[in-house]
Full PDB file with SEQRES, HELIX, SHEET, SSBOND, CRYST1, ORIGX, SCALE, CONECT and MASTER records, all heavy atoms in Angstrom:
SEQRES   1 A   36  ALA CYS LEU SER MET PRO MET SER GLY PRO ALA CYS ARG          
SEQRES   2 A   36  PRO LEU TRP GLU ALA VAL MET TYR THR SER ALA ALA PHE          
SEQRES   3 A   36  GLY LEU VAL VAL THR LEU TRP ALA ALA TRP                      
HELIX    1 AA1 ARG A   13  ALA A   35  1                                  23    
SSBOND   1 CYS A    2    CYS A   12                          1555   1555  2.09  
CRYST1    1.000    1.000    1.000  90.00  90.00  90.00 P 1           1          
ORIGX1      1.000000  0.000000  0.000000        0.00000                         
ORIGX2      0.000000  1.000000  0.000000        0.00000                         
ORIGX3      0.000000  0.000000  1.000000        0.00000                         
SCALE1      1.000000  0.000000  0.000000        0.00000                         
SCALE2      0.000000  1.000000  0.000000        0.00000                         
SCALE3      0.000000  0.000000  1.000000        0.00000                         
ATOM      1  N   ALA A   1     -11.553 -23.153  37.937  1.00  0.00           N  
ATOM      2  CA  ALA A   1     -12.433 -22.756  36.830  1.00  0.00           C  
ATOM      3  C   ALA A   1     -12.729 -21.262  36.886  1.00  0.00           C  
ATOM      4  O   ALA A   1     -12.776 -20.587  35.855  1.00  0.00           O  
ATOM      5  CB  ALA A   1     -13.725 -23.564  36.872  1.00  0.00           C  
ATOM      6  N   CYS A   2     -12.910 -20.732  38.079  1.00  0.00           N  
ATOM      7  CA  CYS A   2     -13.235 -19.306  38.220  1.00  0.00           C  
ATOM      8  C   CYS A   2     -12.035 -18.413  37.950  1.00  0.00           C  
ATOM      9  O   CYS A   2     -12.210 -17.219  37.683  1.00  0.00           O  
ATOM     10  CB  CYS A   2     -13.800 -19.030  39.608  1.00  0.00           C  
ATOM     11  SG  CYS A   2     -15.492 -19.611  39.809  1.00  0.00           S  
ATOM     12  N   LEU A   3     -10.836 -18.942  38.029  1.00  0.00           N  
ATOM     13  CA  LEU A   3      -9.663 -18.132  37.706  1.00  0.00           C  
ATOM     14  C   LEU A   3      -9.659 -17.714  36.243  1.00  0.00           C  
ATOM     15  O   LEU A   3      -9.147 -16.642  35.899  1.00  0.00           O  
ATOM     16  CB  LEU A   3      -8.380 -18.902  38.031  1.00  0.00           C  
ATOM     17  CG  LEU A   3      -8.007 -18.996  39.499  1.00  0.00           C  
ATOM     18  CD1 LEU A   3      -6.763 -19.857  39.673  1.00  0.00           C  
ATOM     19  CD2 LEU A   3      -7.779 -17.622  40.091  1.00  0.00           C  
ATOM     20  N   SER A   4     -10.246 -18.543  35.373  1.00  0.00           N  
ATOM     21  CA  SER A   4     -10.255 -18.217  33.951  1.00  0.00           C  
ATOM     22  C   SER A   4     -11.503 -17.442  33.549  1.00  0.00           C  
ATOM     23  O   SER A   4     -11.580 -16.931  32.445  1.00  0.00           O  
ATOM     24  CB  SER A   4     -10.153 -19.499  33.121  1.00  0.00           C  
ATOM     25  OG  SER A   4     -11.266 -20.327  33.384  1.00  0.00           O  
ATOM     26  N   MET A   5     -12.478 -17.328  34.438  1.00  0.00           N  
ATOM     27  CA  MET A   5     -13.726 -16.599  34.132  1.00  0.00           C  
ATOM     28  C   MET A   5     -13.659 -15.204  34.749  1.00  0.00           C  
ATOM     29  O   MET A   5     -12.871 -14.956  35.665  1.00  0.00           O  
ATOM     30  CB  MET A   5     -14.928 -17.349  34.721  1.00  0.00           C  
ATOM     31  CG  MET A   5     -15.210 -18.664  34.107  1.00  0.00           C  
ATOM     32  SD  MET A   5     -16.699 -19.318  34.860  1.00  0.00           S  
ATOM     33  CE  MET A   5     -16.642 -20.989  34.279  1.00  0.00           C  
ATOM     34  N   PRO A   6     -14.529 -14.302  34.293  1.00  0.00           N  
ATOM     35  CA  PRO A   6     -14.585 -12.981  34.922  1.00  0.00           C  
ATOM     36  C   PRO A   6     -15.107 -13.087  36.361  1.00  0.00           C  
ATOM     37  O   PRO A   6     -15.938 -13.943  36.667  1.00  0.00           O  
ATOM     38  CB  PRO A   6     -15.543 -12.176  34.044  1.00  0.00           C  
ATOM     39  CG  PRO A   6     -16.179 -13.130  33.109  1.00  0.00           C  
ATOM     40  CD  PRO A   6     -15.409 -14.405  33.140  1.00  0.00           C  
ATOM     41  N   MET A   7     -14.642 -12.182  37.202  1.00  0.00           N  
ATOM     42  CA  MET A   7     -15.029 -12.231  38.619  1.00  0.00           C  
ATOM     43  C   MET A   7     -16.503 -11.924  38.818  1.00  0.00           C  
ATOM     44  O   MET A   7     -17.101 -12.345  39.804  1.00  0.00           O  
ATOM     45  CB  MET A   7     -14.188 -11.238  39.430  1.00  0.00           C  
ATOM     46  CG  MET A   7     -12.746 -11.635  39.543  1.00  0.00           C  
ATOM     47  SD  MET A   7     -11.777 -10.422  40.436  1.00  0.00           S  
ATOM     48  CE  MET A   7     -12.229 -10.786  42.098  1.00  0.00           C  
ATOM     49  N   SER A   8     -17.088 -11.181  37.901  1.00  0.00           N  
ATOM     50  CA  SER A   8     -18.493 -10.810  38.066  1.00  0.00           C  
ATOM     51  C   SER A   8     -19.450 -11.855  37.495  1.00  0.00           C  
ATOM     52  O   SER A   8     -20.661 -11.647  37.515  1.00  0.00           O  
ATOM     53  CB  SER A   8     -18.742  -9.467  37.379  1.00  0.00           C  
ATOM     54  OG  SER A   8     -18.443  -9.563  35.993  1.00  0.00           O  
ATOM     55  N   GLY A   9     -18.935 -12.958  37.009  1.00  0.00           N  
ATOM     56  CA  GLY A   9     -19.795 -14.009  36.463  1.00  0.00           C  
ATOM     57  C   GLY A   9     -20.684 -14.606  37.537  1.00  0.00           C  
ATOM     58  O   GLY A   9     -20.272 -14.750  38.692  1.00  0.00           O  
ATOM     59  N   PRO A  10     -21.929 -14.961  37.194  1.00  0.00           N  
ATOM     60  CA  PRO A  10     -22.856 -15.472  38.216  1.00  0.00           C  
ATOM     61  C   PRO A  10     -22.414 -16.798  38.840  1.00  0.00           C  
ATOM     62  O   PRO A  10     -22.713 -17.065  39.996  1.00  0.00           O  
ATOM     63  CB  PRO A  10     -24.178 -15.630  37.463  1.00  0.00           C  
ATOM     64  CG  PRO A  10     -23.831 -15.640  36.022  1.00  0.00           C  
ATOM     65  CD  PRO A  10     -22.532 -14.901  35.873  1.00  0.00           C  
ATOM     66  N   ALA A  11     -21.689 -17.615  38.102  1.00  0.00           N  
ATOM     67  CA  ALA A  11     -21.267 -18.902  38.648  1.00  0.00           C  
ATOM     68  C   ALA A  11     -20.144 -18.740  39.673  1.00  0.00           C  
ATOM     69  O   ALA A  11     -20.021 -19.538  40.601  1.00  0.00           O  
ATOM     70  CB  ALA A  11     -20.812 -19.815  37.518  1.00  0.00           C  
ATOM     71  N   CYS A  12     -19.344 -17.686  39.531  1.00  0.00           N  
ATOM     72  CA  CYS A  12     -18.178 -17.515  40.407  1.00  0.00           C  
ATOM     73  C   CYS A  12     -18.388 -16.475  41.503  1.00  0.00           C  
ATOM     74  O   CYS A  12     -17.521 -16.302  42.358  1.00  0.00           O  
ATOM     75  CB  CYS A  12     -16.972 -17.134  39.561  1.00  0.00           C  
ATOM     76  SG  CYS A  12     -16.508 -18.434  38.409  1.00  0.00           S  
ATOM     77  N   ARG A  13     -19.501 -15.759  41.472  1.00  0.00           N  
ATOM     78  CA  ARG A  13     -19.716 -14.697  42.457  1.00  0.00           C  
ATOM     79  C   ARG A  13     -19.626 -15.198  43.901  1.00  0.00           C  
ATOM     80  O   ARG A  13     -18.950 -14.576  44.727  1.00  0.00           O  
ATOM     81  CB  ARG A  13     -21.043 -14.006  42.197  1.00  0.00           C  
ATOM     82  CG  ARG A  13     -21.333 -12.967  43.279  1.00  0.00           C  
ATOM     83  CD  ARG A  13     -22.452 -12.063  42.905  1.00  0.00           C  
ATOM     84  NE  ARG A  13     -21.858 -11.012  42.087  1.00  0.00           N  
ATOM     85  CZ  ARG A  13     -22.500 -10.325  41.179  1.00  0.00           C  
ATOM     86  NH1 ARG A  13     -23.759 -10.554  40.953  1.00  0.00           N  
ATOM     87  NH2 ARG A  13     -21.891  -9.386  40.500  1.00  0.00           N  
ATOM     88  N   PRO A  14     -20.255 -16.317  44.290  1.00  0.00           N  
ATOM     89  CA  PRO A  14     -20.144 -16.771  45.690  1.00  0.00           C  
ATOM     90  C   PRO A  14     -18.704 -17.074  46.107  1.00  0.00           C  
ATOM     91  O   PRO A  14     -18.297 -16.776  47.231  1.00  0.00           O  
ATOM     92  CB  PRO A  14     -21.005 -18.032  45.755  1.00  0.00           C  
ATOM     93  CG  PRO A  14     -21.917 -17.949  44.589  1.00  0.00           C  
ATOM     94  CD  PRO A  14     -21.187 -17.165  43.546  1.00  0.00           C  
ATOM     95  N   LEU A  15     -17.938 -17.648  45.202  1.00  0.00           N  
ATOM     96  CA  LEU A  15     -16.548 -17.960  45.524  1.00  0.00           C  
ATOM     97  C   LEU A  15     -15.751 -16.675  45.760  1.00  0.00           C  
ATOM     98  O   LEU A  15     -15.032 -16.564  46.758  1.00  0.00           O  
ATOM     99  CB  LEU A  15     -15.910 -18.782  44.407  1.00  0.00           C  
ATOM    100  CG  LEU A  15     -14.408 -19.027  44.601  1.00  0.00           C  
ATOM    101  CD1 LEU A  15     -14.188 -20.027  45.717  1.00  0.00           C  
ATOM    102  CD2 LEU A  15     -13.771 -19.475  43.315  1.00  0.00           C  
ATOM    103  N   TRP A  16     -15.884 -15.712  44.848  1.00  0.00           N  
ATOM    104  CA  TRP A  16     -15.104 -14.481  44.987  1.00  0.00           C  
ATOM    105  C   TRP A  16     -15.582 -13.649  46.173  1.00  0.00           C  
ATOM    106  O   TRP A  16     -14.789 -12.934  46.783  1.00  0.00           O  
ATOM    107  CB  TRP A  16     -15.132 -13.676  43.694  1.00  0.00           C  
ATOM    108  CG  TRP A  16     -14.363 -14.358  42.605  1.00  0.00           C  
ATOM    109  CD1 TRP A  16     -14.841 -14.758  41.406  1.00  0.00           C  
ATOM    110  CD2 TRP A  16     -12.996 -14.755  42.645  1.00  0.00           C  
ATOM    111  NE1 TRP A  16     -13.857 -15.375  40.683  1.00  0.00           N  
ATOM    112  CE2 TRP A  16     -12.712 -15.391  41.413  1.00  0.00           C  
ATOM    113  CE3 TRP A  16     -11.976 -14.658  43.580  1.00  0.00           C  
ATOM    114  CZ2 TRP A  16     -11.450 -15.902  41.108  1.00  0.00           C  
ATOM    115  CZ3 TRP A  16     -10.725 -15.165  43.266  1.00  0.00           C  
ATOM    116  CH2 TRP A  16     -10.472 -15.779  42.056  1.00  0.00           C  
ATOM    117  N   GLU A  17     -16.873 -13.723  46.508  1.00  0.00           N  
ATOM    118  CA  GLU A  17     -17.346 -13.036  47.715  1.00  0.00           C  
ATOM    119  C   GLU A  17     -16.701 -13.642  48.954  1.00  0.00           C  
ATOM    120  O   GLU A  17     -16.276 -12.919  49.862  1.00  0.00           O  
ATOM    121  CB  GLU A  17     -18.864 -13.105  47.810  1.00  0.00           C  
ATOM    122  CG  GLU A  17     -19.564 -12.148  46.887  1.00  0.00           C  
ATOM    123  CD  GLU A  17     -21.074 -12.226  47.017  1.00  0.00           C  
ATOM    124  OE1 GLU A  17     -21.588 -13.086  47.777  1.00  0.00           O  
ATOM    125  OE2 GLU A  17     -21.751 -11.428  46.349  1.00  0.00           O  
ATOM    126  N   ALA A  18     -16.614 -14.970  48.992  1.00  0.00           N  
ATOM    127  CA  ALA A  18     -15.968 -15.626  50.136  1.00  0.00           C  
ATOM    128  C   ALA A  18     -14.499 -15.250  50.206  1.00  0.00           C  
ATOM    129  O   ALA A  18     -13.961 -14.957  51.298  1.00  0.00           O  
ATOM    130  CB  ALA A  18     -16.125 -17.140  50.037  1.00  0.00           C  
ATOM    131  N   VAL A  19     -13.834 -15.214  49.051  1.00  0.00           N  
ATOM    132  CA  VAL A  19     -12.421 -14.814  49.025  1.00  0.00           C  
ATOM    133  C   VAL A  19     -12.275 -13.366  49.482  1.00  0.00           C  
ATOM    134  O   VAL A  19     -11.379 -13.028  50.256  1.00  0.00           O  
ATOM    135  CB  VAL A  19     -11.835 -15.023  47.603  1.00  0.00           C  
ATOM    136  CG1 VAL A  19     -10.473 -14.357  47.469  1.00  0.00           C  
ATOM    137  CG2 VAL A  19     -11.742 -16.491  47.279  1.00  0.00           C  
ATOM    138  N   MET A  20     -13.168 -12.493  49.017  1.00  0.00           N  
ATOM    139  CA  MET A  20     -13.110 -11.079  49.381  1.00  0.00           C  
ATOM    140  C   MET A  20     -13.324 -10.888  50.890  1.00  0.00           C  
ATOM    141  O   MET A  20     -12.568 -10.158  51.545  1.00  0.00           O  
ATOM    142  CB  MET A  20     -14.170 -10.306  48.606  1.00  0.00           C  
ATOM    143  CG  MET A  20     -14.204  -8.820  48.916  1.00  0.00           C  
ATOM    144  SD  MET A  20     -15.536  -7.963  48.091  1.00  0.00           S  
ATOM    145  CE  MET A  20     -16.967  -8.750  48.813  1.00  0.00           C  
ATOM    146  N   TYR A  21     -14.353 -11.521  51.451  1.00  0.00           N  
ATOM    147  CA  TYR A  21     -14.623 -11.368  52.877  1.00  0.00           C  
ATOM    148  C   TYR A  21     -13.500 -11.965  53.735  1.00  0.00           C  
ATOM    149  O   TYR A  21     -13.136 -11.409  54.768  1.00  0.00           O  
ATOM    150  CB  TYR A  21     -15.967 -11.997  53.249  1.00  0.00           C  
ATOM    151  CG  TYR A  21     -17.143 -11.231  52.684  1.00  0.00           C  
ATOM    152  CD1 TYR A  21     -18.187 -11.886  52.057  1.00  0.00           C  
ATOM    153  CD2 TYR A  21     -17.207  -9.842  52.776  1.00  0.00           C  
ATOM    154  CE1 TYR A  21     -19.263 -11.193  51.539  1.00  0.00           C  
ATOM    155  CE2 TYR A  21     -18.279  -9.143  52.260  1.00  0.00           C  
ATOM    156  CZ  TYR A  21     -19.307  -9.815  51.643  1.00  0.00           C  
ATOM    157  OH  TYR A  21     -20.364  -9.117  51.138  1.00  0.00           O  
ATOM    158  N   THR A  22     -12.964 -13.095  53.304  1.00  0.00           N  
ATOM    159  CA  THR A  22     -11.857 -13.700  54.039  1.00  0.00           C  
ATOM    160  C   THR A  22     -10.626 -12.805  54.003  1.00  0.00           C  
ATOM    161  O   THR A  22      -9.964 -12.605  55.026  1.00  0.00           O  
ATOM    162  CB  THR A  22     -11.522 -15.088  53.452  1.00  0.00           C  
ATOM    163  OG1 THR A  22     -12.698 -15.895  53.489  1.00  0.00           O  
ATOM    164  CG2 THR A  22     -10.411 -15.753  54.218  1.00  0.00           C  
ATOM    165  N   SER A  23     -10.338 -12.241  52.839  1.00  0.00           N  
ATOM    166  CA  SER A  23      -9.191 -11.328  52.725  1.00  0.00           C  
ATOM    167  C   SER A  23      -9.395 -10.075  53.569  1.00  0.00           C  
ATOM    168  O   SER A  23      -8.458  -9.599  54.223  1.00  0.00           O  
ATOM    169  CB  SER A  23      -8.977 -10.932  51.264  1.00  0.00           C  
ATOM    170  OG  SER A  23      -8.704 -12.054  50.479  1.00  0.00           O  
ATOM    171  N   ALA A  24     -10.602  -9.543  53.560  1.00  0.00           N  
ATOM    172  CA  ALA A  24     -10.893  -8.348  54.354  1.00  0.00           C  
ATOM    173  C   ALA A  24     -10.759  -8.650  55.847  1.00  0.00           C  
ATOM    174  O   ALA A  24     -10.196  -7.844  56.608  1.00  0.00           O  
ATOM    175  CB  ALA A  24     -12.294  -7.829  54.042  1.00  0.00           C  
ATOM    176  N   ALA A  25     -11.257  -9.805  56.274  1.00  0.00           N  
ATOM    177  CA  ALA A  25     -11.150 -10.170  57.687  1.00  0.00           C  
ATOM    178  C   ALA A  25      -9.692 -10.368  58.084  1.00  0.00           C  
ATOM    179  O   ALA A  25      -9.255  -9.912  59.152  1.00  0.00           O  
ATOM    180  CB  ALA A  25     -11.949 -11.442  57.962  1.00  0.00           C  
ATOM    181  N   PHE A  26      -8.921 -11.023  57.229  1.00  0.00           N  
ATOM    182  CA  PHE A  26      -7.502 -11.224  57.518  1.00  0.00           C  
ATOM    183  C   PHE A  26      -6.771  -9.885  57.575  1.00  0.00           C  
ATOM    184  O   PHE A  26      -5.952  -9.650  58.472  1.00  0.00           O  
ATOM    185  CB  PHE A  26      -6.878 -12.130  56.446  1.00  0.00           C  
ATOM    186  CG  PHE A  26      -5.433 -12.416  56.687  1.00  0.00           C  
ATOM    187  CD1 PHE A  26      -5.041 -13.280  57.692  1.00  0.00           C  
ATOM    188  CD2 PHE A  26      -4.457 -11.799  55.917  1.00  0.00           C  
ATOM    189  CE1 PHE A  26      -3.698 -13.536  57.925  1.00  0.00           C  
ATOM    190  CE2 PHE A  26      -3.117 -12.041  56.133  1.00  0.00           C  
ATOM    191  CZ  PHE A  26      -2.738 -12.912  57.138  1.00  0.00           C  
ATOM    192  N   GLY A  27      -7.062  -8.994  56.637  1.00  0.00           N  
ATOM    193  CA  GLY A  27      -6.448  -7.659  56.654  1.00  0.00           C  
ATOM    194  C   GLY A  27      -6.813  -6.884  57.897  1.00  0.00           C  
ATOM    195  O   GLY A  27      -5.973  -6.184  58.476  1.00  0.00           O  
ATOM    196  N   LEU A  28      -8.058  -6.995  58.341  1.00  0.00           N  
ATOM    197  CA  LEU A  28      -8.483  -6.309  59.558  1.00  0.00           C  
ATOM    198  C   LEU A  28      -7.745  -6.858  60.779  1.00  0.00           C  
ATOM    199  O   LEU A  28      -7.295  -6.089  61.636  1.00  0.00           O  
ATOM    200  CB  LEU A  28      -9.995  -6.466  59.736  1.00  0.00           C  
ATOM    201  CG  LEU A  28     -10.588  -5.786  60.974  1.00  0.00           C  
ATOM    202  CD1 LEU A  28     -10.404  -4.281  60.891  1.00  0.00           C  
ATOM    203  CD2 LEU A  28     -12.052  -6.145  61.109  1.00  0.00           C  
ATOM    204  N   VAL A  29      -7.604  -8.172  60.840  1.00  0.00           N  
ATOM    205  CA  VAL A  29      -6.887  -8.779  61.967  1.00  0.00           C  
ATOM    206  C   VAL A  29      -5.430  -8.321  61.987  1.00  0.00           C  
ATOM    207  O   VAL A  29      -4.889  -7.965  63.041  1.00  0.00           O  
ATOM    208  CB  VAL A  29      -6.994 -10.321  61.915  1.00  0.00           C  
ATOM    209  CG1 VAL A  29      -6.012 -10.984  62.863  1.00  0.00           C  
ATOM    210  CG2 VAL A  29      -8.417 -10.754  62.229  1.00  0.00           C  
ATOM    211  N   VAL A  30      -4.790  -8.308  60.827  1.00  0.00           N  
ATOM    212  CA  VAL A  30      -3.387  -7.870  60.755  1.00  0.00           C  
ATOM    213  C   VAL A  30      -3.262  -6.396  61.138  1.00  0.00           C  
ATOM    214  O   VAL A  30      -2.354  -6.010  61.874  1.00  0.00           O  
ATOM    215  CB  VAL A  30      -2.812  -8.134  59.337  1.00  0.00           C  
ATOM    216  CG1 VAL A  30      -1.477  -7.440  59.148  1.00  0.00           C  
ATOM    217  CG2 VAL A  30      -2.682  -9.624  59.099  1.00  0.00           C  
ATOM    218  N   THR A  31      -4.194  -5.563  60.673  1.00  0.00           N  
ATOM    219  CA  THR A  31      -4.170  -4.139  61.009  1.00  0.00           C  
ATOM    220  C   THR A  31      -4.368  -3.932  62.509  1.00  0.00           C  
ATOM    221  O   THR A  31      -3.658  -3.119  63.129  1.00  0.00           O  
ATOM    222  CB  THR A  31      -5.254  -3.392  60.223  1.00  0.00           C  
ATOM    223  OG1 THR A  31      -5.024  -3.591  58.826  1.00  0.00           O  
ATOM    224  CG2 THR A  31      -5.243  -1.912  60.536  1.00  0.00           C  
ATOM    225  N   LEU A  32      -5.312  -4.635  63.107  1.00  0.00           N  
ATOM    226  CA  LEU A  32      -5.533  -4.514  64.551  1.00  0.00           C  
ATOM    227  C   LEU A  32      -4.330  -4.997  65.338  1.00  0.00           C  
ATOM    228  O   LEU A  32      -3.951  -4.391  66.349  1.00  0.00           O  
ATOM    229  CB  LEU A  32      -6.789  -5.288  64.961  1.00  0.00           C  
ATOM    230  CG  LEU A  32      -8.117  -4.690  64.494  1.00  0.00           C  
ATOM    231  CD1 LEU A  32      -9.262  -5.627  64.847  1.00  0.00           C  
ATOM    232  CD2 LEU A  32      -8.331  -3.314  65.083  1.00  0.00           C  
ATOM    233  N   TRP A  33      -3.706  -6.076  64.896  1.00  0.00           N  
ATOM    234  CA  TRP A  33      -2.506  -6.583  65.575  1.00  0.00           C  
ATOM    235  C   TRP A  33      -1.384  -5.552  65.508  1.00  0.00           C  
ATOM    236  O   TRP A  33      -0.703  -5.302  66.502  1.00  0.00           O  
ATOM    237  CB  TRP A  33      -2.069  -7.899  64.936  1.00  0.00           C  
ATOM    238  CG  TRP A  33      -0.792  -8.419  65.491  1.00  0.00           C  
ATOM    239  CD1 TRP A  33      -0.615  -9.115  66.660  1.00  0.00           C  
ATOM    240  CD2 TRP A  33       0.511  -8.275  64.913  1.00  0.00           C  
ATOM    241  NE1 TRP A  33       0.711  -9.409  66.828  1.00  0.00           N  
ATOM    242  CE2 TRP A  33       1.425  -8.904  65.775  1.00  0.00           C  
ATOM    243  CE3 TRP A  33       0.975  -7.679  63.758  1.00  0.00           C  
ATOM    244  CZ2 TRP A  33       2.781  -8.938  65.505  1.00  0.00           C  
ATOM    245  CZ3 TRP A  33       2.330  -7.718  63.493  1.00  0.00           C  
ATOM    246  CH2 TRP A  33       3.214  -8.340  64.360  1.00  0.00           C  
ATOM    247  N   ALA A  34      -1.181  -4.961  64.326  1.00  0.00           N  
ATOM    248  CA  ALA A  34      -0.121  -3.956  64.167  1.00  0.00           C  
ATOM    249  C   ALA A  34      -0.415  -2.733  65.034  1.00  0.00           C  
ATOM    250  O   ALA A  34       0.490  -2.195  65.679  1.00  0.00           O  
ATOM    251  CB  ALA A  34       0.020  -3.559  62.700  1.00  0.00           C  
ATOM    252  N   ALA A  35      -1.662  -2.301  65.070  1.00  0.00           N  
ATOM    253  CA  ALA A  35      -2.028  -1.154  65.907  1.00  0.00           C  
ATOM    254  C   ALA A  35      -1.797  -1.474  67.383  1.00  0.00           C  
ATOM    255  O   ALA A  35      -1.323  -0.623  68.146  1.00  0.00           O  
ATOM    256  CB  ALA A  35      -3.487  -0.773  65.657  1.00  0.00           C  
ATOM    257  N   TRP A  36      -2.124  -2.696  67.785  1.00  0.00           N  
ATOM    258  CA  TRP A  36      -1.909  -3.115  69.171  1.00  0.00           C  
ATOM    259  C   TRP A  36      -0.422  -3.083  69.523  1.00  0.00           C  
ATOM    260  O   TRP A  36      -0.032  -2.603  70.585  1.00  0.00           O  
ATOM    261  CB  TRP A  36      -2.474  -4.515  69.382  1.00  0.00           C  
ATOM    262  CG  TRP A  36      -2.307  -5.012  70.775  1.00  0.00           C  
ATOM    263  CD1 TRP A  36      -1.291  -5.760  71.274  1.00  0.00           C  
ATOM    264  CD2 TRP A  36      -3.175  -4.770  71.877  1.00  0.00           C  
ATOM    265  NE1 TRP A  36      -1.478  -6.011  72.602  1.00  0.00           N  
ATOM    266  CE2 TRP A  36      -2.625  -5.410  73.001  1.00  0.00           C  
ATOM    267  CE3 TRP A  36      -4.374  -4.075  72.011  1.00  0.00           C  
ATOM    268  CZ2 TRP A  36      -3.234  -5.365  74.242  1.00  0.00           C  
ATOM    269  CZ3 TRP A  36      -4.975  -4.045  73.250  1.00  0.00           C  
ATOM    270  CH2 TRP A  36      -4.404  -4.677  74.340  1.00  0.00           C  
TER     271      TRP A  36                                                      
CONECT   11   76                                                                
CONECT   76   11                                                                
MASTER        0    0    0    1    0    0    0    6  270    1    2    3          
END                                                                             
């Protein structure tokens, strides 16, 4: 349902925040692994 709505909509904000934080954490892990 949130795929068809704007990301800034109040009903979808918690979902997109979770997606954003998960993506950021995954990107950080991949970056740290590559640096290692």
